[in-house]
Amino acid sequence: VARQPIFDRNLKIYAYELLFRSNAQDNFNENSADQATYDLVSNTFLAL
């Protein structure tokens, strides 16, 4: 999980877009995108 800042007009960070990937072999098709989102929610947000 990486984060890319989103700025407002005053160059203050308004939000972060969370960029995620499951593993190196992942071709990131629909199924892997689904799984990555589930993992992001369960392993990252709910835990951290």
All heavy atoms as atom14 arrays in JSON, in Angstrom:
{
  "sequence": "VARQPIFDRNLKIYAYELLFRSNAQDNFNENSADQATYDLVSNTFLAL",
  "atom14_mask": [
    [1, 1, 1, 1, 1, 1, 1, 0, 0, 0, 0, 0, 0, 0],
    [1, 1, 1, 1, 1, 0, 0, 0, 0, 0, 0, 0, 0, 0],
    [1, 1, 1, 1, 1, 1, 1, 1, 1, 1, 1, 0, 0, 0],
    [1, 1, 1, 1, 1, 1, 1, 1, 1, 0, 0, 0, 0, 0],
    [1, 1, 1, 1, 1, 1, 1, 0, 0, 0, 0, 0, 0, 0],
    [1, 1, 1, 1, 1, 1, 1, 1, 0, 0, 0, 0, 0, 0],
    [1, 1, 1, 1, 1, 1, 1, 1, 1, 1, 1, 0, 0, 0],
    [1, 1, 1, 1, 1, 1, 1, 1, 0, 0, 0, 0, 0, 0],
    [1, 1, 1, 1, 1, 1, 1, 1, 1, 1, 1, 0, 0, 0],
    [1, 1, 1, 1, 1, 1, 1, 1, 0, 0, 0, 0, 0, 0],
    [1, 1, 1, 1, 1, 1, 1, 1, 0, 0, 0, 0, 0, 0],
    [1, 1, 1, 1, 1, 1, 1, 1, 1, 0, 0, 0, 0, 0],
    [1, 1, 1, 1, 1, 1, 1, 1, 0, 0, 0, 0, 0, 0],
    [1, 1, 1, 1, 1, 1, 1, 1, 1, 1, 1, 1, 0, 0],
    [1, 1, 1, 1, 1, 0, 0, 0, 0, 0, 0, 0, 0, 0],
    [1, 1, 1, 1, 1, 1, 1, 1, 1, 1, 1, 1, 0, 0],
    [1, 1, 1, 1, 1, 1, 1, 1, 1, 0, 0, 0, 0, 0],
    [1, 1, 1, 1, 1, 1, 1, 1, 0, 0, 0, 0, 0, 0],
    [1, 1, 1, 1, 1, 1, 1, 1, 0, 0, 0, 0, 0, 0],
    [1, 1, 1, 1, 1, 1, 1, 1, 1, 1, 1, 0, 0, 0],
    [1, 1, 1, 1, 1, 1, 1, 1, 1, 1, 1, 0, 0, 0],
    [1, 1, 1, 1, 1, 1, 0, 0, 0, 0, 0, 0, 0, 0],
    [1, 1, 1, 1, 1, 1, 1, 1, 0, 0, 0, 0, 0, 0],
    [1, 1, 1, 1, 1, 0, 0, 0, 0, 0, 0, 0, 0, 0],
    [1, 1, 1, 1, 1, 1, 1, 1, 1, 0, 0, 0, 0, 0],
    [1, 1, 1, 1, 1, 1, 1, 1, 0, 0, 0, 0, 0, 0],
    [1, 1, 1, 1, 1, 1, 1, 1, 0, 0, 0, 0, 0, 0],
    [1, 1, 1, 1, 1, 1, 1, 1, 1, 1, 1, 0, 0, 0],
    [1, 1, 1, 1, 1, 1, 1, 1, 0, 0, 0, 0, 0, 0],
    [1, 1, 1, 1, 1, 1, 1, 1, 1, 0, 0, 0, 0, 0],
    [1, 1, 1, 1, 1, 1, 1, 1, 0, 0, 0, 0, 0, 0],
    [1, 1, 1, 1, 1, 1, 0, 0, 0, 0, 0, 0, 0, 0],
    [1, 1, 1, 1, 1, 0, 0, 0, 0, 0, 0, 0, 0, 0],
    [1, 1, 1, 1, 1, 1, 1, 1, 0, 0, 0, 0, 0, 0],
    [1, 1, 1, 1, 1, 1, 1, 1, 1, 0, 0, 0, 0, 0],
    [1, 1, 1, 1, 1, 0, 0, 0, 0, 0, 0, 0, 0, 0],
    [1, 1, 1, 1, 1, 1, 1, 0, 0, 0, 0, 0, 0, 0],
    [1, 1, 1, 1, 1, 1, 1, 1, 1, 1, 1, 1, 0, 0],
    [1, 1, 1, 1, 1, 1, 1, 1, 0, 0, 0, 0, 0, 0],
    [1, 1, 1, 1, 1, 1, 1, 1, 0, 0, 0, 0, 0, 0],
    [1, 1, 1, 1, 1, 1, 1, 0, 0, 0, 0, 0, 0, 0],
    [1, 1, 1, 1, 1, 1, 0, 0, 0, 0, 0, 0, 0, 0],
    [1, 1, 1, 1, 1, 1, 1, 1, 0, 0, 0, 0, 0, 0],
    [1, 1, 1, 1, 1, 1, 1, 0, 0, 0, 0, 0, 0, 0],
    [1, 1, 1, 1, 1, 1, 1, 1, 1, 1, 1, 0, 0, 0],
    [1, 1, 1, 1, 1, 1, 1, 1, 0, 0, 0, 0, 0, 0],
    [1, 1, 1, 1, 1, 0, 0, 0, 0, 0, 0, 0, 0, 0],
    [1, 1, 1, 1, 1, 1, 1, 1, 0, 0, 0, 0, 0, 0]
  ],
  "atom14_positions": [
    [[0.85, -1.19, 0.0], [0.0, 0.0, 0.0], [0.89, 1.24, 0.0], [1.71, 1.42, 0.9], [-0.93, 0.04, 1.23], [-1.84, 1.27, 1.15], [-1.74, -1.22, 1.34], [0.0, 0.0, 0.0], [0.0, 0.0, 0.0], [0.0, 0.0, 0.0], [0.0, 0.0, 0.0], [0.0, 0.0, 0.0], [0.0, 0.0, 0.0], [0.0, 0.0, 0.0]],
    [[0.76, 2.05, -1.03], [1.45, 3.34, -1.08], [0.39, 4.44, -1.07], [-0.79, 4.17, -1.28], [2.31, 3.44, -2.33], [0.0, 0.0, 0.0], [0.0, 0.0, 0.0], [0.0, 0.0, 0.0], [0.0, 0.0, 0.0], [0.0, 0.0, 0.0], [0.0, 0.0, 0.0], [0.0, 0.0, 0.0], [0.0, 0.0, 0.0], [0.0, 0.0, 0.0]],
    [[0.82, 5.65, -0.82], [-0.14, 6.75, -0.78], [0.38, 7.89, -1.65], [1.55, 8.24, -1.62], [-0.37, 7.22, 0.65], [0.9, 7.67, 1.33], [0.67, 8.13, 2.75], [1.83, 8.87, 3.22], [1.89, 9.53, 4.37], [0.85, 9.55, 5.18], [2.98, 10.19, 4.71], [0.0, 0.0, 0.0], [0.0, 0.0, 0.0], [0.0, 0.0, 0.0]],
    [[-0.51, 8.48, -2.43], [-0.14, 9.62, -3.25], [-0.96, 10.82, -2.8], [-2.19, 10.76, -2.76], [-0.39, 9.34, -4.74], [0.17, 10.45, -5.62], [0.14, 10.08, -7.1], [-0.62, 10.65, -7.86], [0.96, 9.13, -7.5], [0.0, 0.0, 0.0], [0.0, 0.0, 0.0], [0.0, 0.0, 0.0], [0.0, 0.0, 0.0], [0.0, 0.0, 0.0]],
    [[-0.3, 11.91, -2.42], [-1.05, 13.06, -1.89], [-1.91, 13.74, -2.95], [-1.55, 13.8, -4.13], [0.05, 14.0, -1.38], [1.28, 13.59, -2.11], [1.15, 12.13, -2.41], [0.0, 0.0, 0.0], [0.0, 0.0, 0.0], [0.0, 0.0, 0.0], [0.0, 0.0, 0.0], [0.0, 0.0, 0.0], [0.0, 0.0, 0.0], [0.0, 0.0, 0.0]],
    [[-3.04, 14.24, -2.5], [-3.93, 15.07, -3.32], [-3.98, 16.44, -2.66], [-4.33, 16.55, -1.47], [-5.33, 14.45, -3.42], [-5.27, 13.11, -4.16], [-6.3, 15.4, -4.11], [-6.55, 12.31, -4.11], [0.0, 0.0, 0.0], [0.0, 0.0, 0.0], [0.0, 0.0, 0.0], [0.0, 0.0, 0.0], [0.0, 0.0, 0.0], [0.0, 0.0, 0.0]],
    [[-3.6, 17.48, -3.4], [-3.47, 18.82, -2.85], [-4.68, 19.68, -3.19], [-5.36, 19.45, -4.2], [-2.22, 19.51, -3.41], [-0.93, 18.87, -2.98], [-0.38, 17.84, -3.73], [-0.27, 19.29, -1.85], [0.81, 17.24, -3.34], [0.93, 18.7, -1.46], [1.47, 17.67, -2.21], [0.0, 0.0, 0.0], [0.0, 0.0, 0.0], [0.0, 0.0, 0.0]],
    [[-4.91, 20.7, -2.36], [-5.9, 21.71, -2.7], [-5.19, 22.9, -3.35], [-3.98, 22.85, -3.61], [-6.72, 22.13, -1.47], [-5.89, 22.8, -0.38], [-4.74, 23.23, -0.67], [-6.36, 22.89, 0.76], [0.0, 0.0, 0.0], [0.0, 0.0, 0.0], [0.0, 0.0, 0.0], [0.0, 0.0, 0.0], [0.0, 0.0, 0.0], [0.0, 0.0, 0.0]],
    [[-5.91, 23.96, -3.58], [-5.34, 25.12, -4.29], [-4.24, 25.81, -3.47], [-3.4, 26.53, -4.02], [-6.44, 26.14, -4.59], [-7.36, 25.72, -5.72], [-8.58, 26.61, -5.82], [-9.16, 26.5, -7.16], [-9.07, 27.43, -8.1], [-8.45, 28.55, -7.83], [-9.62, 27.24, -9.29], [0.0, 0.0, 0.0], [0.0, 0.0, 0.0], [0.0, 0.0, 0.0]],
    [[-4.25, 25.63, -2.15], [-3.25, 26.25, -1.28], [-2.06, 25.34, -1.03], [-1.25, 25.6, -0.14], [-3.89, 26.66, 0.05], [-4.98, 27.69, -0.14], [-4.81, 28.67, -0.86], [-6.12, 27.47, 0.51], [0.0, 0.0, 0.0], [0.0, 0.0, 0.0], [0.0, 0.0, 0.0], [0.0, 0.0, 0.0], [0.0, 0.0, 0.0], [0.0, 0.0, 0.0]],
    [[-1.97, 24.25, -1.81], [-0.91, 23.26, -1.68], [-0.89, 22.6, -0.31], [0.15, 22.18, 0.19], [0.46, 23.89, -1.99], [0.74, 24.13, -3.48], [2.1, 24.77, -3.68], [0.66, 22.83, -4.27], [0.0, 0.0, 0.0], [0.0, 0.0, 0.0], [0.0, 0.0, 0.0], [0.0, 0.0, 0.0], [0.0, 0.0, 0.0], [0.0, 0.0, 0.0]],
    [[-2.05, 22.51, 0.3], [-2.23, 21.72, 1.51], [-2.76, 20.35, 1.1], [-3.56, 20.25, 0.16], [-3.22, 22.38, 2.47], [-2.82, 23.78, 2.92], [-1.6, 23.75, 3.82], [-1.27, 25.13, 4.36], [-0.05, 25.11, 5.2], [0.0, 0.0, 0.0], [0.0, 0.0, 0.0], [0.0, 0.0, 0.0], [0.0, 0.0, 0.0], [0.0, 0.0, 0.0]],
    [[-2.33, 19.32, 1.78], [-2.81, 17.98, 1.43], [-4.26, 17.83, 1.86], [-4.59, 17.97, 3.04], [-1.93, 16.88, 2.06], [-0.54, 16.9, 1.41], [-2.56, 15.51, 1.86], [0.4, 15.83, 1.9], [0.0, 0.0, 0.0], [0.0, 0.0, 0.0], [0.0, 0.0, 0.0], [0.0, 0.0, 0.0], [0.0, 0.0, 0.0], [0.0, 0.0, 0.0]],
    [[-5.12, 17.59, 0.89], [-6.55, 17.41, 1.14], [-6.87, 15.96, 1.45], [-7.71, 15.66, 2.29], [-7.32, 17.87, -0.1], [-8.77, 17.44, -0.14], [-9.71, 18.0, 0.72], [-9.2, 16.45, -1.03], [-11.03, 17.6, 0.69], [-10.52, 16.04, -1.07], [-11.44, 16.62, -0.2], [-12.75, 16.2, -0.24], [0.0, 0.0, 0.0], [0.0, 0.0, 0.0]],
    [[-6.19, 15.05, 0.75], [-6.45, 13.62, 0.91], [-5.26, 12.84, 0.37], [-4.32, 13.42, -0.17], [-7.73, 13.23, 0.16], [0.0, 0.0, 0.0], [0.0, 0.0, 0.0], [0.0, 0.0, 0.0], [0.0, 0.0, 0.0], [0.0, 0.0, 0.0], [0.0, 0.0, 0.0], [0.0, 0.0, 0.0], [0.0, 0.0, 0.0], [0.0, 0.0, 0.0]],
    [[-5.32, 11.52, 0.55], [-4.34, 10.64, -0.07], [-5.1, 9.61, -0.91], [-6.11, 9.06, -0.47], [-3.52, 9.88, 0.96], [-2.52, 10.71, 1.72], [-2.81, 11.23, 2.98], [-1.26, 10.97, 1.18], [-1.88, 11.98, 3.68], [-0.32, 11.72, 1.88], [-0.64, 12.22, 3.13], [0.28, 12.97, 3.82], [0.0, 0.0, 0.0], [0.0, 0.0, 0.0]],
    [[-4.61, 9.36, -2.13], [-5.12, 8.19, -2.85], [-4.25, 7.01, -2.45], [-3.02, 7.1, -2.45], [-5.06, 8.37, -4.36], [-5.55, 7.1, -5.07], [-5.85, 7.27, -6.55], [-5.55, 8.35, -7.1], [-6.39, 6.33, -7.13], [0.0, 0.0, 0.0], [0.0, 0.0, 0.0], [0.0, 0.0, 0.0], [0.0, 0.0, 0.0], [0.0, 0.0, 0.0]],
    [[-4.89, 5.91, -2.07], [-4.16, 4.72, -1.67], [-4.0, 3.81, -2.87], [-4.97, 3.42, -3.51], [-4.9, 4.01, -0.54], [-5.04, 4.9, 0.71], [-5.77, 4.15, 1.81], [-3.71, 5.39, 1.23], [0.0, 0.0, 0.0], [0.0, 0.0, 0.0], [0.0, 0.0, 0.0], [0.0, 0.0, 0.0], [0.0, 0.0, 0.0], [0.0, 0.0, 0.0]],
    [[-2.76, 3.51, -3.18], [-2.4, 2.7, -4.34], [-1.93, 1.35, -3.82], [-1.07, 1.28, -2.94], [-1.28, 3.37, -5.14], [-1.52, 4.84, -5.46], [-0.24, 5.51, -5.94], [-2.61, 4.97, -6.52], [0.0, 0.0, 0.0], [0.0, 0.0, 0.0], [0.0, 0.0, 0.0], [0.0, 0.0, 0.0], [0.0, 0.0, 0.0], [0.0, 0.0, 0.0]],
    [[-2.49, 0.28, -4.32], [-2.17, -1.02, -3.74], [-2.0, -2.09, -4.79], [-2.49, -2.0, -5.9], [-3.24, -1.43, -2.72], [-4.65, -1.31, -3.23], [-5.28, -2.39, -3.82], [-5.35, -0.11, -3.11], [-6.59, -2.27, -4.29], [-6.65, 0.01, -3.58], [-7.27, -1.08, -4.17], [0.0, 0.0, 0.0], [0.0, 0.0, 0.0], [0.0, 0.0, 0.0]],
    [[-1.27, -3.12, -4.36], [-1.0, -4.26, -5.22], [-0.77, -5.47, -4.34], [-0.18, -5.38, -3.27], [0.25, -3.99, -6.07], [0.53, -5.01, -7.17], [-0.49, -4.91, -8.3], [-0.2, -5.85, -9.37], [0.52, -5.57, -10.45], [1.06, -4.38, -10.59], [0.71, -6.48, -11.39], [0.0, 0.0, 0.0], [0.0, 0.0, 0.0], [0.0, 0.0, 0.0]],
    [[-1.23, -6.63, -4.8], [-1.13, -7.83, -3.97], [0.27, -8.43, -3.98], [0.84, -8.71, -2.94], [-2.14, -8.89, -4.44], [-3.45, -8.47, -4.14], [0.0, 0.0, 0.0], [0.0, 0.0, 0.0], [0.0, 0.0, 0.0], [0.0, 0.0, 0.0], [0.0, 0.0, 0.0], [0.0, 0.0, 0.0], [0.0, 0.0, 0.0], [0.0, 0.0, 0.0]],
    [[0.86, -8.66, -5.16], [2.18, -9.29, -5.2], [2.83, -9.07, -6.56], [2.23, -8.51, -7.48], [2.08, -10.79, -4.9], [1.07, -11.48, -5.81], [1.21, -11.46, -7.03], [0.05, -12.07, -5.22], [0.0, 0.0, 0.0], [0.0, 0.0, 0.0], [0.0, 0.0, 0.0], [0.0, 0.0, 0.0], [0.0, 0.0, 0.0], [0.0, 0.0, 0.0]],
    [[4.06, -9.53, -6.68], [4.85, -9.28, -7.88], [4.3, -10.0, -9.1], [4.43, -9.55, -10.23], [6.3, -9.7, -7.64], [0.0, 0.0, 0.0], [0.0, 0.0, 0.0], [0.0, 0.0, 0.0], [0.0, 0.0, 0.0], [0.0, 0.0, 0.0], [0.0, 0.0, 0.0], [0.0, 0.0, 0.0], [0.0, 0.0, 0.0], [0.0, 0.0, 0.0]],
    [[3.69, -11.18, -8.89], [3.22, -11.98, -10.02], [1.84, -11.56, -10.51], [1.37, -11.99, -11.55], [3.17, -13.46, -9.63], [4.55, -14.09, -9.47], [5.26, -13.63, -8.22], [4.64, -13.5, -7.18], [6.56, -13.36, -8.31], [0.0, 0.0, 0.0], [0.0, 0.0, 0.0], [0.0, 0.0, 0.0], [0.0, 0.0, 0.0], [0.0, 0.0, 0.0]],
    [[1.19, -10.69, -9.75], [-0.18, -10.3, -10.03], [-0.29, -9.56, -11.36], [0.38, -8.57, -11.58], [-0.63, -9.36, -8.9], [-2.11, -9.42, -8.65], [-2.81, -9.96, -9.51], [-2.53, -8.95, -7.6], [0.0, 0.0, 0.0], [0.0, 0.0, 0.0], [0.0, 0.0, 0.0], [0.0, 0.0, 0.0], [0.0, 0.0, 0.0], [0.0, 0.0, 0.0]],
    [[-1.13, -10.03, -12.27], [-1.38, -9.31, -13.52], [-2.45, -8.24, -13.37], [-2.79, -7.53, -14.29], [-1.8, -10.3, -14.62], [-0.66, -11.2, -15.02], [0.48, -10.76, -15.09], [-0.96, -12.46, -15.26], [0.0, 0.0, 0.0], [0.0, 0.0, 0.0], [0.0, 0.0, 0.0], [0.0, 0.0, 0.0], [0.0, 0.0, 0.0], [0.0, 0.0, 0.0]],
    [[-3.02, -8.2, -12.18], [-4.01, -7.18, -11.82], [-5.24, -7.2, -12.73], [-5.65, -6.21, -13.29], [-3.4, -5.78, -11.82], [-3.9, -4.98, -10.64], [-3.66, -5.41, -9.35], [-4.64, -3.81, -10.81], [-4.12, -4.69, -8.26], [-5.11, -3.09, -9.73], [-4.83, -3.54, -8.45], [0.0, 0.0, 0.0], [0.0, 0.0, 0.0], [0.0, 0.0, 0.0]],
    [[-5.82, -8.38, -12.87], [-7.11, -8.49, -13.54], [-8.21, -8.18, -12.55], [-7.94, -7.8, -11.41], [-7.27, -9.89, -14.16], [-7.04, -10.99, -13.11], [-7.34, -10.79, -11.94], [-6.47, -12.1, -13.53], [0.0, 0.0, 0.0], [0.0, 0.0, 0.0], [0.0, 0.0, 0.0], [0.0, 0.0, 0.0], [0.0, 0.0, 0.0], [0.0, 0.0, 0.0]],
    [[-9.45, -8.38, -12.97], [-10.58, -8.02, -12.09], [-10.53, -8.77, -10.77], [-10.74, -8.21, -9.71], [-11.9, -8.31, -12.82], [-13.16, -7.95, -12.02], [-13.42, -6.46, -11.95], [-12.73, -5.7, -12.63], [-14.32, -6.06, -11.19], [0.0, 0.0, 0.0], [0.0, 0.0, 0.0], [0.0, 0.0, 0.0], [0.0, 0.0, 0.0], [0.0, 0.0, 0.0]],
    [[-10.21, -10.08, -10.83], [-10.17, -10.88, -9.59], [-9.09, -10.4, -8.65], [-9.3, -10.3, -7.44], [-9.97, -12.36, -9.93], [-11.18, -12.96, -10.61], [-12.3, -12.48, -10.43], [-10.95, -14.0, -11.4], [0.0, 0.0, 0.0], [0.0, 0.0, 0.0], [0.0, 0.0, 0.0], [0.0, 0.0, 0.0], [0.0, 0.0, 0.0], [0.0, 0.0, 0.0]],
    [[-7.89, -10.12, -9.18], [-6.81, -9.68, -8.31], [-7.09, -8.28, -7.76], [-6.71, -7.97, -6.63], [-5.48, -9.69, -9.07], [-5.48, -8.74, -10.11], [0.0, 0.0, 0.0], [0.0, 0.0, 0.0], [0.0, 0.0, 0.0], [0.0, 0.0, 0.0], [0.0, 0.0, 0.0], [0.0, 0.0, 0.0], [0.0, 0.0, 0.0], [0.0, 0.0, 0.0]],
    [[-7.74, -7.43, -8.55], [-8.11, -6.1, -8.06], [-9.11, -6.22, -6.91], [-9.01, -5.5, -5.92], [-8.71, -5.27, -9.2], [0.0, 0.0, 0.0], [0.0, 0.0, 0.0], [0.0, 0.0, 0.0], [0.0, 0.0, 0.0], [0.0, 0.0, 0.0], [0.0, 0.0, 0.0], [0.0, 0.0, 0.0], [0.0, 0.0, 0.0], [0.0, 0.0, 0.0]],
    [[-10.07, -7.12, -7.05], [-11.02, -7.37, -5.96], [-10.28, -7.8, -4.7], [-10.51, -7.26, -3.61], [-12.0, -8.48, -6.34], [-12.97, -8.06, -7.43], [-13.1, -6.85, -7.67], [-13.58, -8.96, -8.05], [0.0, 0.0, 0.0], [0.0, 0.0, 0.0], [0.0, 0.0, 0.0], [0.0, 0.0, 0.0], [0.0, 0.0, 0.0], [0.0, 0.0, 0.0]],
    [[-9.38, -8.78, -4.85], [-8.67, -9.33, -3.7], [-7.78, -8.27, -3.05], [-7.7, -8.18, -1.82], [-7.81, -10.53, -4.12], [-7.14, -11.25, -2.95], [-8.15, -11.82, -1.97], [-9.01, -12.62, -2.34], [-8.05, -11.41, -0.71], [0.0, 0.0, 0.0], [0.0, 0.0, 0.0], [0.0, 0.0, 0.0], [0.0, 0.0, 0.0], [0.0, 0.0, 0.0]],
    [[-7.12, -7.46, -3.87], [-6.26, -6.42, -3.33], [-7.06, -5.41, -2.51], [-6.61, -4.94, -1.46], [-5.51, -5.7, -4.46], [0.0, 0.0, 0.0], [0.0, 0.0, 0.0], [0.0, 0.0, 0.0], [0.0, 0.0, 0.0], [0.0, 0.0, 0.0], [0.0, 0.0, 0.0], [0.0, 0.0, 0.0], [0.0, 0.0, 0.0], [0.0, 0.0, 0.0]],
    [[-8.26, -5.07, -2.98], [-9.1, -4.14, -2.24], [-9.55, -4.75, -0.92], [-9.53, -4.09, 0.12], [-10.34, -3.73, -3.07], [-9.92, -3.23, -4.33], [-11.14, -2.66, -2.35], [0.0, 0.0, 0.0], [0.0, 0.0, 0.0], [0.0, 0.0, 0.0], [0.0, 0.0, 0.0], [0.0, 0.0, 0.0], [0.0, 0.0, 0.0], [0.0, 0.0, 0.0]],
    [[-9.95, -6.02, -0.94], [-10.33, -6.7, 0.3], [-9.16, -6.73, 1.28], [-9.32, -6.48, 2.48], [-10.81, -8.12, 0.01], [-12.18, -8.19, -0.61], [-12.38, -8.8, -1.86], [-13.3, -7.65, 0.03], [-13.64, -8.86, -2.44], [-14.56, -7.71, -0.54], [-14.72, -8.32, -1.77], [-15.97, -8.38, -2.36], [0.0, 0.0, 0.0], [0.0, 0.0, 0.0]],
    [[-7.97, -7.05, 0.77], [-6.79, -7.1, 1.63], [-6.47, -5.73, 2.2], [-6.08, -5.59, 3.35], [-5.57, -7.61, 0.84], [-5.67, -9.1, 0.54], [-6.48, -9.78, 1.2], [-4.95, -9.57, -0.35], [0.0, 0.0, 0.0], [0.0, 0.0, 0.0], [0.0, 0.0, 0.0], [0.0, 0.0, 0.0], [0.0, 0.0, 0.0], [0.0, 0.0, 0.0]],
    [[-6.62, -4.71, 1.36], [-6.37, -3.34, 1.8], [-7.26, -2.99, 2.98], [-6.81, -2.45, 3.99], [-6.63, -2.37, 0.65], [-6.46, -0.89, 0.95], [-5.0, -0.54, 1.11], [-7.08, -0.04, -0.14], [0.0, 0.0, 0.0], [0.0, 0.0, 0.0], [0.0, 0.0, 0.0], [0.0, 0.0, 0.0], [0.0, 0.0, 0.0], [0.0, 0.0, 0.0]],
    [[-8.53, -3.33, 2.87], [-9.49, -3.0, 3.92], [-9.22, -3.82, 5.18], [-9.11, -3.3, 6.28], [-10.93, -3.23, 3.43], [-11.92, -3.12, 4.59], [-11.27, -2.23, 2.34], [0.0, 0.0, 0.0], [0.0, 0.0, 0.0], [0.0, 0.0, 0.0], [0.0, 0.0, 0.0], [0.0, 0.0, 0.0], [0.0, 0.0, 0.0], [0.0, 0.0, 0.0]],
    [[-9.08, -5.15, 5.03], [-8.98, -6.02, 6.2], [-7.62, -5.97, 6.87], [-7.53, -5.89, 8.1], [-9.29, -7.47, 5.8], [-8.37, -7.92, 4.83], [0.0, 0.0, 0.0], [0.0, 0.0, 0.0], [0.0, 0.0, 0.0], [0.0, 0.0, 0.0], [0.0, 0.0, 0.0], [0.0, 0.0, 0.0], [0.0, 0.0, 0.0], [0.0, 0.0, 0.0]],
    [[-6.54, -5.97, 6.06], [-5.2, -6.05, 6.65], [-4.59, -4.69, 6.96], [-3.69, -4.6, 7.78], [-4.24, -6.79, 5.71], [-4.65, -8.23, 5.5], [-5.42, -8.77, 6.27], [-4.13, -8.85, 4.46], [0.0, 0.0, 0.0], [0.0, 0.0, 0.0], [0.0, 0.0, 0.0], [0.0, 0.0, 0.0], [0.0, 0.0, 0.0], [0.0, 0.0, 0.0]],
    [[-5.06, -3.66, 6.29], [-4.44, -2.36, 6.47], [-5.28, -1.44, 7.34], [-4.88, -1.03, 8.41], [-4.17, -1.69, 5.1], [-3.39, -2.59, 4.31], [-3.41, -0.4, 5.28], [0.0, 0.0, 0.0], [0.0, 0.0, 0.0], [0.0, 0.0, 0.0], [0.0, 0.0, 0.0], [0.0, 0.0, 0.0], [0.0, 0.0, 0.0], [0.0, 0.0, 0.0]],
    [[-6.5, -1.14, 6.89], [-7.31, -0.19, 7.64], [-7.77, -0.73, 8.98], [-7.61, -0.09, 10.01], [-8.53, 0.22, 6.82], [-8.17, 1.05, 5.64], [-8.73, 0.79, 4.4], [-7.27, 2.07, 5.74], [-8.39, 1.54, 3.3], [-6.92, 2.83, 4.65], [-7.49, 2.56, 3.43], [0.0, 0.0, 0.0], [0.0, 0.0, 0.0], [0.0, 0.0, 0.0]],
    [[-8.36, -1.9, 8.96], [-8.95, -2.42, 10.19], [-7.87, -2.76, 11.21], [-8.1, -2.69, 12.42], [-9.83, -3.63, 9.89], [-10.98, -3.36, 8.91], [-11.85, -4.6, 8.76], [-11.84, -2.18, 9.37], [0.0, 0.0, 0.0], [0.0, 0.0, 0.0], [0.0, 0.0, 0.0], [0.0, 0.0, 0.0], [0.0, 0.0, 0.0], [0.0, 0.0, 0.0]],
    [[-6.66, -3.1, 10.73], [-5.58, -3.44, 11.64], [-4.8, -2.21, 12.08], [-4.44, -2.07, 13.25], [-4.63, -4.43, 10.96], [0.0, 0.0, 0.0], [0.0, 0.0, 0.0], [0.0, 0.0, 0.0], [0.0, 0.0, 0.0], [0.0, 0.0, 0.0], [0.0, 0.0, 0.0], [0.0, 0.0, 0.0], [0.0, 0.0, 0.0], [0.0, 0.0, 0.0]],
    [[-4.54, -1.28, 11.15], [-3.68, -0.14, 11.44], [-4.44, 1.13, 11.79], [-3.96, 1.96, 12.54], [-2.78, 0.15, 10.24], [-1.7, -0.88, 9.96], [-1.03, -0.57, 8.64], [-0.69, -0.89, 11.08], [0.0, 0.0, 0.0], [0.0, 0.0, 0.0], [0.0, 0.0, 0.0], [0.0, 0.0, 0.0], [0.0, 0.0, 0.0], [0.0, 0.0, 0.0]]
  ]
}
